[in-house]
N, C-alpha and C. Protein backbone atom coordinates (compact mmCIF):
# COMPACT_ATOMS: atom_id res chain seq x y z
N MET A 1 85.48 112.85 103.23
CA MET A 1 86.68 112.15 102.84
C MET A 1 87.24 112.77 101.57
N GLU A 2 88.51 113.06 101.58
CA GLU A 2 89.16 113.69 100.45
C GLU A 2 89.53 112.65 99.39
N LYS A 3 89.31 112.99 98.13
CA LYS A 3 89.67 112.08 97.04
C LYS A 3 91.18 112.05 96.87
N ALA A 4 91.70 110.89 96.53
CA ALA A 4 93.13 110.75 96.30
C ALA A 4 93.51 111.41 94.99
N SER A 5 94.68 112.02 94.97
CA SER A 5 95.16 112.63 93.73
C SER A 5 95.75 111.55 92.83
N ALA A 6 95.88 111.89 91.55
CA ALA A 6 96.44 110.92 90.60
C ALA A 6 97.84 110.49 91.01
N SER A 7 98.64 111.44 91.51
CA SER A 7 100.01 111.09 91.89
C SER A 7 100.03 110.14 93.08
N SER A 8 99.09 110.27 94.01
CA SER A 8 99.09 109.35 95.16
C SER A 8 98.69 107.94 94.71
N TRP A 9 97.78 107.83 93.75
CA TRP A 9 97.42 106.50 93.23
C TRP A 9 98.61 105.87 92.52
N ARG A 10 99.36 106.67 91.77
CA ARG A 10 100.50 106.13 91.02
C ARG A 10 101.62 105.65 91.94
N ARG A 11 101.69 106.17 93.16
CA ARG A 11 102.72 105.75 94.10
C ARG A 11 102.37 104.44 94.79
N MET A 12 101.14 103.95 94.64
CA MET A 12 100.74 102.69 95.25
C MET A 12 101.21 101.55 94.35
N GLU A 13 102.32 100.94 94.71
CA GLU A 13 102.93 99.91 93.87
C GLU A 13 101.96 98.78 93.54
N GLU A 14 101.12 98.40 94.50
CA GLU A 14 100.21 97.28 94.29
C GLU A 14 99.08 97.60 93.30
N ARG A 15 98.84 98.88 93.01
CA ARG A 15 97.83 99.25 92.02
C ARG A 15 98.26 98.91 90.60
N TYR A 16 99.55 98.99 90.35
CA TYR A 16 100.06 98.84 88.99
C TYR A 16 100.92 97.59 88.79
N ASN A 17 101.00 96.78 89.79
CA ASN A 17 101.74 95.53 89.72
C ASN A 17 100.90 94.46 90.40
N LEU A 18 101.00 93.26 89.94
CA LEU A 18 100.32 92.15 90.61
C LEU A 18 101.28 91.67 91.70
N LEU A 19 101.21 92.33 92.87
CA LEU A 19 102.10 91.99 93.97
C LEU A 19 101.45 90.95 94.87
N ALA A 20 102.13 89.86 95.01
CA ALA A 20 101.69 88.77 95.88
C ALA A 20 102.74 88.59 96.95
N ASN A 21 102.54 87.59 97.78
CA ASN A 21 103.64 87.18 98.64
C ASN A 21 103.70 85.68 98.67
N GLU A 22 104.90 85.21 98.99
CA GLU A 22 105.17 83.79 98.97
C GLU A 22 105.71 83.38 100.34
N CYS A 23 105.19 82.28 100.84
CA CYS A 23 105.70 81.74 102.10
C CYS A 23 107.00 81.02 101.80
N LYS A 24 108.07 81.49 102.38
CA LYS A 24 109.37 80.88 102.15
C LYS A 24 109.51 79.56 102.90
N ASN A 25 108.55 79.26 103.75
CA ASN A 25 108.58 77.99 104.48
C ASN A 25 107.98 76.86 103.62
N CYS A 26 106.80 77.12 102.99
CA CYS A 26 106.12 76.04 102.26
C CYS A 26 105.92 76.34 100.77
N GLY A 27 106.18 77.59 100.32
CA GLY A 27 106.08 77.92 98.91
C GLY A 27 104.71 78.38 98.44
N ALA A 28 103.73 78.48 99.32
CA ALA A 28 102.39 78.93 98.93
C ALA A 28 102.46 80.40 98.49
N VAL A 29 101.72 80.74 97.42
CA VAL A 29 101.70 82.11 96.89
C VAL A 29 100.31 82.68 97.11
N TYR A 30 100.23 83.93 97.62
CA TYR A 30 98.95 84.57 97.94
C TYR A 30 98.79 85.90 97.23
N PHE A 31 97.66 86.07 96.60
CA PHE A 31 97.24 87.35 96.03
C PHE A 31 95.76 87.51 96.31
N PRO A 32 95.37 88.58 97.01
CA PRO A 32 96.22 89.62 97.55
C PRO A 32 97.10 89.10 98.68
N GLN A 33 98.06 89.94 99.04
CA GLN A 33 99.04 89.53 100.04
C GLN A 33 98.39 89.22 101.38
N ARG A 34 99.01 88.30 102.11
CA ARG A 34 98.56 87.90 103.45
C ARG A 34 99.73 88.06 104.41
N ILE A 35 99.41 88.17 105.68
CA ILE A 35 100.44 88.27 106.72
C ILE A 35 100.84 86.88 107.19
N VAL A 36 99.86 85.98 107.27
CA VAL A 36 100.09 84.63 107.78
C VAL A 36 99.77 83.62 106.69
N CYS A 37 100.62 82.63 106.53
CA CYS A 37 100.39 81.58 105.55
C CYS A 37 99.25 80.69 106.02
N ARG A 38 98.27 80.49 105.14
CA ARG A 38 97.12 79.65 105.48
C ARG A 38 97.49 78.17 105.54
N LYS A 39 98.53 77.79 104.83
CA LYS A 39 98.93 76.38 104.81
C LYS A 39 99.73 75.98 106.05
N CYS A 40 100.74 76.77 106.38
CA CYS A 40 101.62 76.35 107.48
C CYS A 40 101.56 77.25 108.70
N GLY A 41 100.82 78.36 108.64
CA GLY A 41 100.64 79.22 109.81
C GLY A 41 101.80 80.14 110.12
N ARG A 42 102.78 80.20 109.26
CA ARG A 42 103.94 81.06 109.51
C ARG A 42 103.65 82.48 109.07
N HIS A 43 104.16 83.46 109.79
CA HIS A 43 104.02 84.85 109.36
C HIS A 43 105.36 85.54 109.24
N THR A 44 106.41 84.93 109.69
CA THR A 44 107.72 85.59 109.65
C THR A 44 108.47 85.35 108.35
N LYS A 45 108.00 84.44 107.54
CA LYS A 45 108.73 84.10 106.32
C LYS A 45 107.97 84.47 105.04
N MET A 46 107.06 85.42 105.12
CA MET A 46 106.34 85.85 103.93
C MET A 46 107.20 86.88 103.19
N GLU A 47 107.36 86.70 101.88
CA GLU A 47 108.20 87.58 101.09
C GLU A 47 107.42 88.09 99.88
N SER A 48 107.51 89.39 99.61
CA SER A 48 106.81 90.00 98.49
C SER A 48 107.33 89.44 97.17
N ARG A 49 106.40 89.29 96.21
CA ARG A 49 106.75 88.72 94.92
C ARG A 49 105.85 89.33 93.85
N LYS A 50 106.43 89.75 92.73
CA LYS A 50 105.65 90.28 91.62
C LYS A 50 105.24 89.12 90.71
N LEU A 51 103.94 89.00 90.44
CA LEU A 51 103.44 87.93 89.58
C LEU A 51 103.51 88.35 88.12
N SER A 52 103.64 87.38 87.24
CA SER A 52 103.73 87.66 85.80
C SER A 52 102.40 88.14 85.23
N GLY A 53 101.30 87.64 85.80
CA GLY A 53 99.98 87.96 85.26
C GLY A 53 99.55 87.01 84.17
N ASN A 54 100.45 86.15 83.70
CA ASN A 54 100.10 85.16 82.68
C ASN A 54 99.31 84.05 83.34
N GLY A 55 98.32 83.53 82.62
CA GLY A 55 97.52 82.47 83.20
C GLY A 55 96.54 81.87 82.21
N THR A 56 95.52 81.25 82.78
CA THR A 56 94.51 80.53 82.01
C THR A 56 93.13 80.93 82.52
N VAL A 57 92.18 81.07 81.60
CA VAL A 57 90.80 81.39 81.99
C VAL A 57 90.23 80.17 82.72
N TYR A 58 89.88 80.37 83.98
CA TYR A 58 89.30 79.32 84.81
C TYR A 58 87.78 79.32 84.66
N SER A 59 87.22 80.54 84.56
CA SER A 59 85.77 80.72 84.40
C SER A 59 85.55 82.13 83.87
N TYR A 60 84.41 82.36 83.22
CA TYR A 60 84.11 83.71 82.74
C TYR A 60 82.61 83.87 82.51
N THR A 61 82.20 85.12 82.41
CA THR A 61 80.82 85.44 82.08
C THR A 61 80.79 86.72 81.27
N ARG A 62 79.79 86.86 80.44
CA ARG A 62 79.60 88.08 79.65
C ARG A 62 78.59 88.95 80.39
N THR A 63 78.97 90.17 80.67
CA THR A 63 78.13 91.10 81.41
C THR A 63 77.39 92.02 80.45
N HIS A 64 76.04 91.98 80.51
CA HIS A 64 75.21 92.83 79.66
C HIS A 64 74.60 93.99 80.43
N SER A 65 74.53 93.89 81.75
CA SER A 65 73.97 94.93 82.60
C SER A 65 75.07 95.44 83.53
N PRO A 66 75.90 96.35 83.03
CA PRO A 66 77.09 96.76 83.79
C PRO A 66 76.80 97.79 84.87
N ALA A 67 77.78 97.96 85.73
CA ALA A 67 77.76 99.07 86.67
C ALA A 67 77.90 100.35 85.85
N ASP A 68 77.45 101.47 86.39
CA ASP A 68 77.46 102.74 85.66
C ASP A 68 78.82 103.07 85.04
N ALA A 69 79.90 102.80 85.75
CA ALA A 69 81.24 103.15 85.27
C ALA A 69 81.64 102.38 84.01
N PHE A 70 80.97 101.26 83.74
CA PHE A 70 81.37 100.42 82.60
C PHE A 70 80.31 100.36 81.50
N GLU A 71 79.34 101.28 81.51
CA GLU A 71 78.27 101.26 80.51
C GLU A 71 78.78 101.31 79.08
N GLU A 72 79.84 102.09 78.84
CA GLU A 72 80.36 102.24 77.48
C GLU A 72 80.98 100.95 76.96
N GLU A 73 81.39 100.06 77.84
CA GLU A 73 82.06 98.82 77.42
C GLU A 73 81.09 97.66 77.22
N SER A 74 79.87 97.79 77.65
CA SER A 74 78.92 96.69 77.65
C SER A 74 78.59 96.24 76.23
N PRO A 75 78.48 94.95 76.00
CA PRO A 75 78.76 93.84 76.90
C PRO A 75 80.26 93.57 76.96
N TYR A 76 80.72 93.04 78.09
CA TYR A 76 82.14 92.74 78.25
C TYR A 76 82.29 91.47 79.07
N LEU A 77 83.50 90.92 79.04
CA LEU A 77 83.78 89.68 79.76
C LEU A 77 84.47 89.95 81.09
N ILE A 78 84.03 89.26 82.11
CA ILE A 78 84.70 89.23 83.41
C ILE A 78 85.08 87.78 83.64
N GLY A 79 86.29 87.56 84.11
CA GLY A 79 86.71 86.18 84.30
C GLY A 79 87.48 85.95 85.57
N VAL A 80 87.62 84.68 85.89
CA VAL A 80 88.53 84.25 86.95
C VAL A 80 89.71 83.64 86.22
N ILE A 81 90.88 84.19 86.49
CA ILE A 81 92.10 83.76 85.82
C ILE A 81 92.97 83.01 86.82
N GLU A 82 93.36 81.79 86.45
CA GLU A 82 94.29 81.05 87.28
C GLU A 82 95.70 81.39 86.79
N LEU A 83 96.42 82.15 87.61
CA LEU A 83 97.74 82.60 87.22
C LEU A 83 98.73 81.43 87.21
N ASP A 84 99.77 81.55 86.39
CA ASP A 84 100.78 80.50 86.30
C ASP A 84 101.41 80.22 87.66
N GLU A 85 101.48 81.24 88.52
CA GLU A 85 102.08 81.08 89.85
C GLU A 85 101.13 80.45 90.86
N GLY A 86 99.85 80.25 90.49
CA GLY A 86 98.92 79.55 91.37
C GLY A 86 97.67 80.29 91.79
N PRO A 87 97.76 81.56 92.25
CA PRO A 87 96.54 82.24 92.71
C PRO A 87 95.53 82.45 91.59
N ARG A 88 94.27 82.57 91.96
CA ARG A 88 93.21 82.92 91.01
C ARG A 88 92.80 84.35 91.28
N VAL A 89 92.63 85.13 90.22
CA VAL A 89 92.25 86.54 90.33
C VAL A 89 91.08 86.82 89.39
N GLU A 90 90.29 87.82 89.74
CA GLU A 90 89.20 88.26 88.88
C GLU A 90 89.69 89.40 88.01
N GLY A 91 89.11 89.52 86.84
CA GLY A 91 89.47 90.64 85.99
C GLY A 91 88.68 90.68 84.71
N HIS A 92 88.70 91.85 84.08
CA HIS A 92 88.09 92.00 82.76
C HIS A 92 88.95 91.24 81.76
N ILE A 93 88.30 90.66 80.77
CA ILE A 93 89.01 89.99 79.68
C ILE A 93 88.77 90.80 78.42
N VAL A 94 89.84 91.27 77.81
CA VAL A 94 89.77 92.08 76.60
C VAL A 94 89.50 91.16 75.42
N GLU A 95 88.46 91.49 74.68
CA GLU A 95 88.16 90.71 73.48
C GLU A 95 88.92 91.35 72.32
N ASN A 96 89.93 90.64 71.85
CA ASN A 96 90.77 91.19 70.79
C ASN A 96 90.62 90.40 69.49
N GLY A 97 89.44 89.86 69.26
CA GLY A 97 89.19 89.10 68.05
C GLY A 97 89.45 87.61 68.20
N LYS A 98 90.00 87.21 69.34
CA LYS A 98 90.25 85.79 69.59
C LYS A 98 89.15 85.24 70.48
N GLU A 99 88.73 84.02 70.20
CA GLU A 99 87.66 83.40 70.98
C GLU A 99 88.16 83.11 72.40
N VAL A 100 87.32 83.41 73.38
CA VAL A 100 87.64 83.14 74.78
C VAL A 100 86.81 81.97 75.25
N THR A 101 87.47 80.96 75.78
CA THR A 101 86.80 79.80 76.36
C THR A 101 87.54 79.45 77.65
N ILE A 102 86.95 78.56 78.43
CA ILE A 102 87.65 78.07 79.61
C ILE A 102 88.90 77.35 79.12
N GLY A 103 90.04 77.70 79.70
CA GLY A 103 91.31 77.12 79.28
C GLY A 103 92.12 78.03 78.36
N THR A 104 91.54 79.14 77.89
CA THR A 104 92.26 80.07 77.03
C THR A 104 93.43 80.67 77.80
N LYS A 105 94.61 80.68 77.18
CA LYS A 105 95.79 81.32 77.77
C LYS A 105 95.63 82.83 77.64
N VAL A 106 95.97 83.56 78.71
CA VAL A 106 95.86 85.03 78.71
C VAL A 106 97.15 85.65 79.26
N ARG A 107 97.30 86.92 78.94
CA ARG A 107 98.41 87.71 79.47
C ARG A 107 97.85 89.02 80.00
N PRO A 108 98.56 89.67 80.91
CA PRO A 108 98.04 90.92 81.44
C PRO A 108 98.25 92.07 80.47
N VAL A 109 97.30 92.98 80.42
CA VAL A 109 97.43 94.22 79.66
C VAL A 109 96.96 95.34 80.57
N PHE A 110 97.61 96.47 80.49
CA PHE A 110 97.29 97.60 81.34
C PHE A 110 96.34 98.51 80.58
N ARG A 111 95.13 98.73 81.10
CA ARG A 111 94.10 99.47 80.38
C ARG A 111 93.36 100.44 81.30
N ARG A 112 92.71 101.38 80.66
CA ARG A 112 91.82 102.31 81.37
C ARG A 112 90.61 101.53 81.86
N MET A 113 90.24 101.72 83.12
CA MET A 113 89.05 101.06 83.65
C MET A 113 87.86 102.01 83.58
N TYR A 114 88.02 103.22 84.17
CA TYR A 114 86.94 104.20 84.17
C TYR A 114 87.49 105.54 84.64
N ALA A 115 86.67 106.58 84.53
CA ALA A 115 87.05 107.92 85.00
C ALA A 115 86.01 108.41 85.98
N ASP A 116 86.46 109.21 86.94
CA ASP A 116 85.55 109.83 87.91
C ASP A 116 84.96 111.08 87.26
N GLY A 117 83.87 110.93 86.52
CA GLY A 117 83.26 112.05 85.83
C GLY A 117 84.05 112.42 84.58
N GLU A 118 83.59 113.46 83.89
CA GLU A 118 84.23 113.86 82.64
C GLU A 118 85.65 114.36 82.82
N GLU A 119 85.92 115.04 83.92
CA GLU A 119 87.25 115.59 84.13
C GLU A 119 87.91 115.03 85.38
N GLY A 120 87.45 113.88 85.83
CA GLY A 120 87.98 113.30 87.05
C GLY A 120 89.18 112.41 86.83
N LEU A 121 89.63 111.84 87.90
CA LEU A 121 90.77 110.93 87.90
C LEU A 121 90.47 109.72 87.03
N ILE A 122 91.39 109.37 86.14
CA ILE A 122 91.24 108.20 85.29
C ILE A 122 91.88 107.02 86.01
N HIS A 123 91.14 105.95 86.16
CA HIS A 123 91.62 104.76 86.85
C HIS A 123 92.08 103.73 85.83
N TYR A 124 93.29 103.26 86.01
CA TYR A 124 93.87 102.23 85.15
C TYR A 124 94.06 100.97 85.99
N HIS A 125 94.05 99.85 85.34
CA HIS A 125 94.29 98.59 86.04
C HIS A 125 94.59 97.50 85.01
N PHE A 126 94.95 96.34 85.52
CA PHE A 126 95.20 95.21 84.63
C PHE A 126 93.89 94.64 84.13
N LYS A 127 93.91 94.25 82.88
CA LYS A 127 92.88 93.41 82.29
C LYS A 127 93.66 92.24 81.69
N PHE A 128 92.96 91.29 81.14
CA PHE A 128 93.63 90.12 80.57
C PHE A 128 93.22 89.97 79.11
N ALA A 129 94.18 89.63 78.27
CA ALA A 129 93.93 89.47 76.84
C ALA A 129 94.36 88.06 76.41
N PRO A 130 93.55 87.42 75.55
CA PRO A 130 93.95 86.11 75.02
C PRO A 130 95.28 86.20 74.30
N VAL A 131 96.08 85.16 74.46
CA VAL A 131 97.40 85.11 73.82
C VAL A 131 97.24 84.64 72.40
């Protein structure tokens, strides 16, 4: 399997935006996107929607034994964020000197996640920072 080039990753809109979809029939919002609404069963009225990324810490944990790609960041926080638009998403929480607790308001920040080796593709993604 061939590795994707940096330019092909950058063309994937959903990699760099929190793209959800909303059922125009009942208003349910889904991230990641779905074809059929789980609430009303409709699939013809789903419309793409960019989420703000703002939300509240629903749950979190401090990771001391990271995956190899995140060894330099250890220990770090991983959380479940309840977005203002409704969906819950997982993500790293950036510790910027502010205390993080359940209920902390957060905003999205775009950060480096890891690199494929010393000279490999650098992967960026959203993390969340306390407001």
